[in-house]
Amino acid sequence: MASLFAFPNPVNEYAARVTAALVVLLAVVTAVAGSVWGLAAITIGFWLRLLFGPRISPLALLSVKVITPRLGKVKLVPGPPKRFAQGIGAAVSTAALLLFAAGAAPAAWALLGILVVAASLEAFAGFCLGCTIFGFLQRRGVIPEDVCEACNNISLRRS
């Protein structure tokens, strides 16, 4: 059962960035169309990636199996911060979907805008906001050090 909910560690940063770019694309199309179905798809995608890694999420599968291999680039980074970032995306997109369902569409679209900004930072600048928050929380002792040994031990990081 534990392997069902496994998340890869390490993660190819380029695959994460491509997945983030696909999230940006889907979110922009969703916002332009004003589609609750697009918002639901984004939310489901984040939950699938959080719970199962890239094995089930359509966007992650497209990224990991089709697009990223064609780029031919691999840069391995620790998985736990990326999973944490997916959790933030799941929480924010779920809140947006619930707000939309409650009739607060402007607030829902504002949260979707926050997701677009965060995913754009990852996709186009290589800056993972969720990973930064993960590191901050780990340095403060909120997230135990053993969750990501490579995150606190510089000698375990790969170049």
N, C-alpha and C. Protein backbone atom coordinates (compact mmCIF):
# COMPACT_ATOMS: atom_id res chain seq x y z
N MET A 1 0.82 -1.19 0.00
CA MET A 1 0.00 0.00 0.00
C MET A 1 0.87 1.26 0.00
N ALA A 2 1.99 1.22 0.71
CA ALA A 2 2.87 2.40 0.78
C ALA A 2 3.41 2.75 -0.60
N SER A 3 3.69 1.74 -1.44
CA SER A 3 4.22 2.03 -2.77
C SER A 3 3.18 2.70 -3.66
N LEU A 4 1.91 2.49 -3.37
CA LEU A 4 0.85 3.14 -4.13
C LEU A 4 0.92 4.66 -3.97
N PHE A 5 1.26 5.10 -2.76
CA PHE A 5 1.31 6.52 -2.47
C PHE A 5 2.74 7.07 -2.49
N ALA A 6 3.65 6.37 -3.14
CA ALA A 6 5.05 6.79 -3.20
C ALA A 6 5.21 8.00 -4.12
N PHE A 7 6.16 8.83 -3.78
CA PHE A 7 6.51 10.00 -4.59
C PHE A 7 7.98 9.84 -4.94
N PRO A 8 8.36 10.12 -6.20
CA PRO A 8 9.76 9.90 -6.57
C PRO A 8 10.72 10.79 -5.80
N ASN A 9 11.86 10.23 -5.48
CA ASN A 9 12.92 10.97 -4.83
C ASN A 9 14.25 10.36 -5.26
N PRO A 10 15.03 11.07 -6.03
CA PRO A 10 14.93 12.46 -6.46
C PRO A 10 13.95 12.62 -7.63
N VAL A 11 13.75 13.89 -8.00
CA VAL A 11 12.85 14.29 -9.08
C VAL A 11 13.67 15.02 -10.13
N ASN A 12 13.34 14.80 -11.40
CA ASN A 12 13.98 15.57 -12.46
C ASN A 12 13.37 16.98 -12.46
N GLU A 13 14.18 17.96 -12.14
CA GLU A 13 13.68 19.34 -12.07
C GLU A 13 13.05 19.79 -13.39
N TYR A 14 13.59 19.32 -14.51
CA TYR A 14 13.04 19.73 -15.79
C TYR A 14 11.64 19.17 -16.00
N ALA A 15 11.38 17.96 -15.52
CA ALA A 15 10.03 17.40 -15.60
C ALA A 15 9.07 18.22 -14.73
N ALA A 16 9.53 18.62 -13.55
CA ALA A 16 8.69 19.46 -12.68
C ALA A 16 8.39 20.79 -13.34
N ARG A 17 9.36 21.36 -14.01
CA ARG A 17 9.16 22.65 -14.68
C ARG A 17 8.21 22.53 -15.86
N VAL A 18 8.32 21.44 -16.61
CA VAL A 18 7.40 21.23 -17.73
C VAL A 18 5.98 21.02 -17.21
N THR A 19 5.84 20.25 -16.13
CA THR A 19 4.51 20.05 -15.54
C THR A 19 3.94 21.39 -15.08
N ALA A 20 4.76 22.22 -14.47
CA ALA A 20 4.31 23.54 -14.04
C ALA A 20 3.86 24.38 -15.23
N ALA A 21 4.59 24.31 -16.34
CA ALA A 21 4.19 25.06 -17.54
C ALA A 21 2.84 24.57 -18.06
N LEU A 22 2.61 23.26 -18.00
CA LEU A 22 1.32 22.72 -18.42
C LEU A 22 0.20 23.19 -17.48
N VAL A 23 0.50 23.30 -16.19
CA VAL A 23 -0.48 23.83 -15.24
C VAL A 23 -0.80 25.28 -15.59
N VAL A 24 0.21 26.08 -15.90
CA VAL A 24 0.00 27.47 -16.29
C VAL A 24 -0.91 27.53 -17.51
N LEU A 25 -0.62 26.74 -18.52
CA LEU A 25 -1.42 26.72 -19.74
C LEU A 25 -2.88 26.36 -19.44
N LEU A 26 -3.09 25.29 -18.67
CA LEU A 26 -4.44 24.87 -18.33
C LEU A 26 -5.15 25.94 -17.49
N ALA A 27 -4.44 26.56 -16.57
CA ALA A 27 -5.05 27.59 -15.71
C ALA A 27 -5.43 28.83 -16.50
N VAL A 28 -4.60 29.24 -17.43
CA VAL A 28 -4.92 30.41 -18.25
C VAL A 28 -6.14 30.12 -19.13
N VAL A 29 -6.17 28.95 -19.75
CA VAL A 29 -7.33 28.57 -20.56
C VAL A 29 -8.58 28.51 -19.70
N THR A 30 -8.45 27.97 -18.50
CA THR A 30 -9.58 27.88 -17.56
C THR A 30 -10.09 29.26 -17.19
N ALA A 31 -9.18 30.18 -16.89
CA ALA A 31 -9.58 31.54 -16.50
C ALA A 31 -10.25 32.27 -17.66
N VAL A 32 -9.66 32.16 -18.84
CA VAL A 32 -10.23 32.83 -20.02
C VAL A 32 -11.63 32.29 -20.32
N ALA A 33 -11.79 30.98 -20.20
CA ALA A 33 -13.08 30.36 -20.49
C ALA A 33 -14.05 30.48 -19.31
N GLY A 34 -13.54 30.81 -18.13
CA GLY A 34 -14.39 30.86 -16.94
C GLY A 34 -14.98 29.50 -16.61
N SER A 35 -14.18 28.47 -16.82
CA SER A 35 -14.65 27.09 -16.73
C SER A 35 -14.45 26.46 -15.36
N VAL A 36 -15.55 26.08 -14.74
CA VAL A 36 -15.45 25.34 -13.49
C VAL A 36 -14.87 23.96 -13.74
N TRP A 37 -15.08 23.41 -14.93
CA TRP A 37 -14.53 22.09 -15.25
C TRP A 37 -13.02 22.14 -15.33
N GLY A 38 -12.48 23.22 -15.88
CA GLY A 38 -11.03 23.38 -15.90
C GLY A 38 -10.47 23.51 -14.50
N LEU A 39 -11.18 24.25 -13.65
CA LEU A 39 -10.77 24.40 -12.26
C LEU A 39 -10.79 23.05 -11.55
N ALA A 40 -11.82 22.27 -11.84
CA ALA A 40 -11.89 20.92 -11.25
C ALA A 40 -10.74 20.04 -11.76
N ALA A 41 -10.41 20.15 -13.04
CA ALA A 41 -9.31 19.36 -13.61
C ALA A 41 -7.98 19.73 -12.97
N ILE A 42 -7.76 21.03 -12.75
CA ILE A 42 -6.53 21.49 -12.10
C ILE A 42 -6.45 20.93 -10.68
N THR A 43 -7.56 21.00 -9.96
CA THR A 43 -7.60 20.50 -8.58
C THR A 43 -7.32 19.01 -8.54
N ILE A 44 -8.00 18.26 -9.38
CA ILE A 44 -7.79 16.80 -9.42
C ILE A 44 -6.34 16.48 -9.77
N GLY A 45 -5.78 17.22 -10.72
CA GLY A 45 -4.39 17.00 -11.11
C GLY A 45 -3.42 17.20 -9.96
N PHE A 46 -3.61 18.27 -9.20
CA PHE A 46 -2.73 18.49 -8.04
C PHE A 46 -2.87 17.35 -7.03
N TRP A 47 -4.10 16.93 -6.75
CA TRP A 47 -4.30 15.84 -5.79
C TRP A 47 -3.68 14.54 -6.29
N LEU A 48 -3.81 14.26 -7.58
CA LEU A 48 -3.20 13.04 -8.13
C LEU A 48 -1.68 13.08 -7.99
N ARG A 49 -1.08 14.23 -8.31
CA ARG A 49 0.38 14.34 -8.19
C ARG A 49 0.82 14.28 -6.74
N LEU A 50 0.06 14.89 -5.83
CA LEU A 50 0.40 14.85 -4.41
C LEU A 50 0.34 13.42 -3.88
N LEU A 51 -0.72 12.71 -4.19
CA LEU A 51 -0.93 11.38 -3.63
C LEU A 51 -0.13 10.28 -4.32
N PHE A 52 0.02 10.38 -5.64
CA PHE A 52 0.60 9.27 -6.40
C PHE A 52 1.85 9.63 -7.20
N GLY A 53 2.34 10.84 -7.06
CA GLY A 53 3.47 11.25 -7.87
C GLY A 53 3.03 11.41 -9.31
N PRO A 54 3.92 11.22 -10.26
CA PRO A 54 3.56 11.43 -11.67
C PRO A 54 2.90 10.21 -12.34
N ARG A 55 2.62 9.17 -11.59
CA ARG A 55 2.13 7.92 -12.21
C ARG A 55 0.71 7.99 -12.76
N ILE A 56 -0.14 8.88 -12.25
CA ILE A 56 -1.54 8.88 -12.63
C ILE A 56 -1.98 10.21 -13.25
N SER A 57 -1.36 11.30 -12.86
CA SER A 57 -1.74 12.63 -13.34
C SER A 57 -1.48 12.76 -14.84
N PRO A 58 -2.51 13.11 -15.62
CA PRO A 58 -2.30 13.28 -17.06
C PRO A 58 -1.22 14.32 -17.41
N LEU A 59 -1.20 15.45 -16.72
CA LEU A 59 -0.18 16.46 -17.01
C LEU A 59 1.22 15.95 -16.68
N ALA A 60 1.36 15.28 -15.54
CA ALA A 60 2.67 14.75 -15.15
C ALA A 60 3.12 13.65 -16.10
N LEU A 61 2.20 12.80 -16.51
CA LEU A 61 2.56 11.74 -17.47
C LEU A 61 3.01 12.33 -18.79
N LEU A 62 2.30 13.34 -19.27
CA LEU A 62 2.70 14.00 -20.51
C LEU A 62 4.09 14.61 -20.35
N SER A 63 4.34 15.22 -19.21
CA SER A 63 5.64 15.82 -18.95
C SER A 63 6.75 14.78 -18.84
N VAL A 64 6.54 13.78 -17.98
CA VAL A 64 7.59 12.80 -17.67
C VAL A 64 7.84 11.82 -18.82
N LYS A 65 6.78 11.40 -19.48
CA LYS A 65 6.93 10.34 -20.51
C LYS A 65 7.11 10.87 -21.92
N VAL A 66 6.63 12.09 -22.22
CA VAL A 66 6.64 12.57 -23.60
C VAL A 66 7.56 13.79 -23.79
N ILE A 67 7.29 14.85 -23.04
CA ILE A 67 7.99 16.13 -23.32
C ILE A 67 9.41 16.15 -22.77
N THR A 68 9.59 15.87 -21.48
CA THR A 68 10.91 15.98 -20.86
C THR A 68 11.95 15.05 -21.50
N PRO A 69 11.62 13.80 -21.84
CA PRO A 69 12.64 12.96 -22.50
C PRO A 69 13.14 13.56 -23.82
N ARG A 70 12.28 14.30 -24.51
CA ARG A 70 12.70 14.93 -25.76
C ARG A 70 13.65 16.11 -25.52
N LEU A 71 13.58 16.69 -24.32
CA LEU A 71 14.50 17.78 -23.99
C LEU A 71 15.90 17.24 -23.74
N GLY A 72 15.98 15.99 -23.28
CA GLY A 72 17.26 15.36 -23.02
C GLY A 72 18.01 15.93 -21.84
N LYS A 73 17.30 16.64 -20.97
CA LYS A 73 17.95 17.24 -19.82
C LYS A 73 17.51 16.55 -18.54
N VAL A 74 18.47 16.35 -17.64
CA VAL A 74 18.17 15.78 -16.33
C VAL A 74 18.93 16.57 -15.28
N LYS A 75 18.19 17.05 -14.31
CA LYS A 75 18.79 17.68 -13.14
C LYS A 75 17.99 17.16 -11.95
N LEU A 76 18.62 16.31 -11.16
CA LEU A 76 17.92 15.68 -10.05
C LEU A 76 17.93 16.59 -8.82
N VAL A 77 16.74 16.73 -8.24
CA VAL A 77 16.56 17.53 -7.03
C VAL A 77 15.75 16.69 -6.04
N PRO A 78 15.81 17.01 -4.75
CA PRO A 78 15.05 16.22 -3.76
C PRO A 78 13.55 16.24 -4.03
N GLY A 79 12.92 15.09 -3.81
CA GLY A 79 11.49 14.94 -4.05
C GLY A 79 10.57 15.54 -2.99
N PRO A 80 10.90 15.42 -1.70
CA PRO A 80 9.97 15.93 -0.68
C PRO A 80 9.55 17.40 -0.83
N PRO A 81 10.46 18.32 -1.17
CA PRO A 81 9.99 19.70 -1.37
C PRO A 81 9.02 19.83 -2.55
N LYS A 82 9.24 19.05 -3.60
CA LYS A 82 8.33 19.09 -4.76
C LYS A 82 6.96 18.53 -4.37
N ARG A 83 6.95 17.49 -3.55
CA ARG A 83 5.67 16.95 -3.09
C ARG A 83 4.95 17.98 -2.21
N PHE A 84 5.69 18.66 -1.37
CA PHE A 84 5.12 19.71 -0.53
C PHE A 84 4.50 20.79 -1.42
N ALA A 85 5.20 21.17 -2.48
CA ALA A 85 4.68 22.18 -3.40
C ALA A 85 3.38 21.70 -4.05
N GLN A 86 3.31 20.41 -4.41
CA GLN A 86 2.07 19.86 -4.96
C GLN A 86 0.94 19.94 -3.93
N GLY A 87 1.29 19.75 -2.65
CA GLY A 87 0.29 19.86 -1.58
C GLY A 87 -0.26 21.27 -1.47
N ILE A 88 0.62 22.26 -1.61
CA ILE A 88 0.16 23.65 -1.59
C ILE A 88 -0.76 23.90 -2.78
N GLY A 89 -0.37 23.40 -3.95
CA GLY A 89 -1.21 23.55 -5.13
C GLY A 89 -2.56 22.88 -4.95
N ALA A 90 -2.56 21.70 -4.32
CA ALA A 90 -3.82 21.00 -4.06
C ALA A 90 -4.71 21.80 -3.11
N ALA A 91 -4.12 22.37 -2.07
CA ALA A 91 -4.89 23.16 -1.10
C ALA A 91 -5.46 24.42 -1.75
N VAL A 92 -4.64 25.14 -2.50
CA VAL A 92 -5.09 26.39 -3.11
C VAL A 92 -6.14 26.13 -4.18
N SER A 93 -5.92 25.13 -5.02
CA SER A 93 -6.90 24.84 -6.08
C SER A 93 -8.21 24.30 -5.49
N THR A 94 -8.12 23.52 -4.42
CA THR A 94 -9.34 23.04 -3.74
C THR A 94 -10.11 24.21 -3.16
N ALA A 95 -9.40 25.14 -2.53
CA ALA A 95 -10.07 26.33 -1.98
C ALA A 95 -10.73 27.13 -3.11
N ALA A 96 -10.04 27.26 -4.24
CA ALA A 96 -10.62 27.99 -5.38
C ALA A 96 -11.89 27.30 -5.88
N LEU A 97 -11.84 25.99 -5.98
CA LEU A 97 -13.02 25.24 -6.44
C LEU A 97 -14.18 25.38 -5.45
N LEU A 98 -13.90 25.32 -4.17
CA LEU A 98 -14.95 25.47 -3.15
C LEU A 98 -15.52 26.89 -3.17
N LEU A 99 -14.66 27.88 -3.34
CA LEU A 99 -15.14 29.26 -3.43
C LEU A 99 -16.04 29.45 -4.65
N PHE A 100 -15.63 28.87 -5.77
CA PHE A 100 -16.45 28.96 -6.98
C PHE A 100 -17.81 28.31 -6.75
N ALA A 101 -17.81 27.13 -6.13
CA ALA A 101 -19.06 26.41 -5.85
C ALA A 101 -19.95 27.20 -4.88
N ALA A 102 -19.34 27.99 -4.00
CA ALA A 102 -20.08 28.78 -3.02
C ALA A 102 -20.57 30.11 -3.61
N GLY A 103 -20.26 30.36 -4.87
CA GLY A 103 -20.71 31.59 -5.51
C GLY A 103 -19.74 32.75 -5.41
N ALA A 104 -18.55 32.49 -4.92
CA ALA A 104 -17.53 33.54 -4.79
C ALA A 104 -16.52 33.42 -5.93
N ALA A 105 -17.02 33.54 -7.16
CA ALA A 105 -16.16 33.36 -8.33
C ALA A 105 -14.96 34.30 -8.36
N PRO A 106 -15.10 35.60 -8.03
CA PRO A 106 -13.91 36.46 -8.06
C PRO A 106 -12.79 35.98 -7.13
N ALA A 107 -13.15 35.50 -5.96
CA ALA A 107 -12.14 34.98 -5.03
C ALA A 107 -11.50 33.70 -5.60
N ALA A 108 -12.31 32.88 -6.25
CA ALA A 108 -11.79 31.65 -6.86
C ALA A 108 -10.78 31.98 -7.96
N TRP A 109 -11.11 32.97 -8.79
CA TRP A 109 -10.20 33.35 -9.88
C TRP A 109 -8.94 34.01 -9.33
N ALA A 110 -9.07 34.71 -8.21
CA ALA A 110 -7.88 35.31 -7.57
C ALA A 110 -6.93 34.20 -7.10
N LEU A 111 -7.48 33.15 -6.49
CA LEU A 111 -6.62 32.03 -6.06
C LEU A 111 -6.00 31.34 -7.27
N LEU A 112 -6.76 31.20 -8.34
CA LEU A 112 -6.19 30.61 -9.56
C LEU A 112 -5.05 31.48 -10.07
N GLY A 113 -5.19 32.80 -9.95
CA GLY A 113 -4.11 33.70 -10.35
C GLY A 113 -2.86 33.48 -9.53
N ILE A 114 -3.03 33.23 -8.23
CA ILE A 114 -1.87 32.94 -7.37
C ILE A 114 -1.18 31.65 -7.84
N LEU A 115 -1.99 30.65 -8.22
CA LEU A 115 -1.41 29.41 -8.75
C LEU A 115 -0.64 29.66 -10.04
N VAL A 116 -1.19 30.51 -10.90
CA VAL A 116 -0.51 30.83 -12.16
C VAL A 116 0.84 31.49 -11.88
N VAL A 117 0.88 32.41 -10.93
CA VAL A 117 2.14 33.08 -10.59
C VAL A 117 3.15 32.06 -10.06
N ALA A 118 2.73 31.22 -9.10
CA ALA A 118 3.65 30.24 -8.51
C ALA A 118 4.14 29.23 -9.56
N ALA A 119 3.22 28.73 -10.38
CA ALA A 119 3.60 27.76 -11.41
C ALA A 119 4.48 28.42 -12.47
N SER A 120 4.24 29.68 -12.78
CA SER A 120 5.07 30.40 -13.75
C SER A 120 6.49 30.58 -13.23
N LEU A 121 6.61 30.89 -11.94
CA LEU A 121 7.95 31.01 -11.35
C LEU A 121 8.72 29.71 -11.50
N GLU A 122 8.05 28.59 -11.24
CA GLU A 122 8.68 27.27 -11.39
C GLU A 122 9.03 27.01 -12.84
N ALA A 123 8.04 27.19 -13.71
CA ALA A 123 8.20 26.80 -15.12
C ALA A 123 9.25 27.65 -15.84
N PHE A 124 9.20 28.95 -15.65
CA PHE A 124 9.99 29.84 -16.48
C PHE A 124 11.24 30.41 -15.81
N ALA A 125 11.28 30.37 -14.48
CA ALA A 125 12.45 30.90 -13.77
C ALA A 125 13.17 29.84 -12.94
N GLY A 126 12.58 28.64 -12.82
CA GLY A 126 13.20 27.59 -12.03
C GLY A 126 13.14 27.86 -10.54
N PHE A 127 12.22 28.73 -10.11
CA PHE A 127 12.08 29.05 -8.70
C PHE A 127 10.82 28.39 -8.16
N CYS A 128 11.00 27.41 -7.28
CA CYS A 128 9.88 26.67 -6.70
C CYS A 128 9.49 27.32 -5.37
N LEU A 129 8.38 28.04 -5.39
CA LEU A 129 7.92 28.73 -4.18
C LEU A 129 7.61 27.72 -3.07
N GLY A 130 6.95 26.62 -3.40
CA GLY A 130 6.64 25.59 -2.40
C GLY A 130 7.89 24.99 -1.80
N CYS A 131 8.92 24.80 -2.64
CA CYS A 131 10.19 24.26 -2.15
C CYS A 131 10.86 25.23 -1.19
N THR A 132 10.74 26.52 -1.49
CA THR A 132 11.31 27.55 -0.62
C THR A 132 10.60 27.55 0.73
N ILE A 133 9.28 27.43 0.71
CA ILE A 133 8.52 27.37 1.95
C ILE A 133 8.89 26.10 2.73
N PHE A 134 9.04 24.98 2.02
CA PHE A 134 9.46 23.72 2.64
C PHE A 134 10.78 23.92 3.37
N GLY A 135 11.76 24.53 2.70
CA GLY A 135 13.08 24.76 3.31
C GLY A 135 12.98 25.65 4.53
N PHE A 136 12.18 26.70 4.43
CA PHE A 136 11.98 27.60 5.56
C PHE A 136 11.40 26.84 6.75
N LEU A 137 10.37 26.04 6.51
CA LEU A 137 9.74 25.27 7.59
C LEU A 137 10.68 24.21 8.16
N GLN A 138 11.50 23.64 7.31
CA GLN A 138 12.45 22.64 7.79
C GLN A 138 13.53 23.29 8.66
N ARG A 139 14.02 24.44 8.26
CA ARG A 139 15.02 25.14 9.06
C ARG A 139 14.46 25.58 10.41
N ARG A 140 13.16 25.81 10.48
CA ARG A 140 12.51 26.22 11.74
C ARG A 140 12.08 25.03 12.58
N GLY A 141 12.29 23.80 12.08
CA GLY A 141 11.95 22.60 12.83
C GLY A 141 10.51 22.17 12.70
N VAL A 142 9.72 22.84 11.87
CA VAL A 142 8.32 22.46 11.66
C VAL A 142 8.26 21.15 10.87
N ILE A 143 9.12 21.02 9.87
CA ILE A 143 9.26 19.78 9.11
C ILE A 143 10.53 19.11 9.62
N PRO A 144 10.43 17.87 10.11
CA PRO A 144 11.61 17.19 10.65
C PRO A 144 12.73 17.05 9.61
N GLU A 145 13.97 17.12 10.08
CA GLU A 145 15.12 17.01 9.19
C GLU A 145 15.16 15.71 8.41
N ASP A 146 14.67 14.62 9.01
CA ASP A 146 14.75 13.32 8.33
C ASP A 146 13.76 13.19 7.18
N VAL A 147 12.85 14.14 7.01
CA VAL A 147 11.92 14.11 5.87
C VAL A 147 12.70 14.28 4.57
N CYS A 148 13.72 15.11 4.62
CA CYS A 148 14.55 15.32 3.44
C CYS A 148 15.99 15.56 3.89
N GLU A 149 16.72 14.49 4.05
CA GLU A 149 18.11 14.59 4.49
C GLU A 149 18.94 15.39 3.50
N ALA A 150 18.69 15.22 2.20
CA ALA A 150 19.46 15.94 1.19
C ALA A 150 19.19 17.44 1.24
N CYS A 151 18.05 17.82 1.79
CA CYS A 151 17.72 19.24 1.87
C CYS A 151 18.56 19.96 2.92
N ASN A 152 18.98 19.25 3.99
CA ASN A 152 19.78 19.92 5.01
C ASN A 152 21.23 19.52 5.00
N ASN A 153 21.61 18.54 4.23
CA ASN A 153 23.00 18.13 4.17
C ASN A 153 23.54 18.43 2.78
N ILE A 154 24.28 19.50 2.68
CA ILE A 154 24.79 19.97 1.39
C ILE A 154 25.63 18.89 0.70
N SER A 155 26.26 18.01 1.45
CA SER A 155 27.11 16.98 0.84
C SER A 155 26.29 15.90 0.13
N LEU A 156 25.00 15.82 0.41
CA LEU A 156 24.16 14.84 -0.26
C LEU A 156 23.50 15.38 -1.53
N ARG A 157 23.63 16.67 -1.79
CA ARG A 157 23.01 17.27 -2.97
C ARG A 157 23.82 16.94 -4.21
N ARG A 158 23.09 16.67 -5.28
CA ARG A 158 23.75 16.39 -6.56
C ARG A 158 23.84 17.68 -7.37
N SER A 159 24.88 17.78 -8.17
CA SER A 159 25.01 18.98 -8.99
C SER A 159 24.29 18.81 -10.31
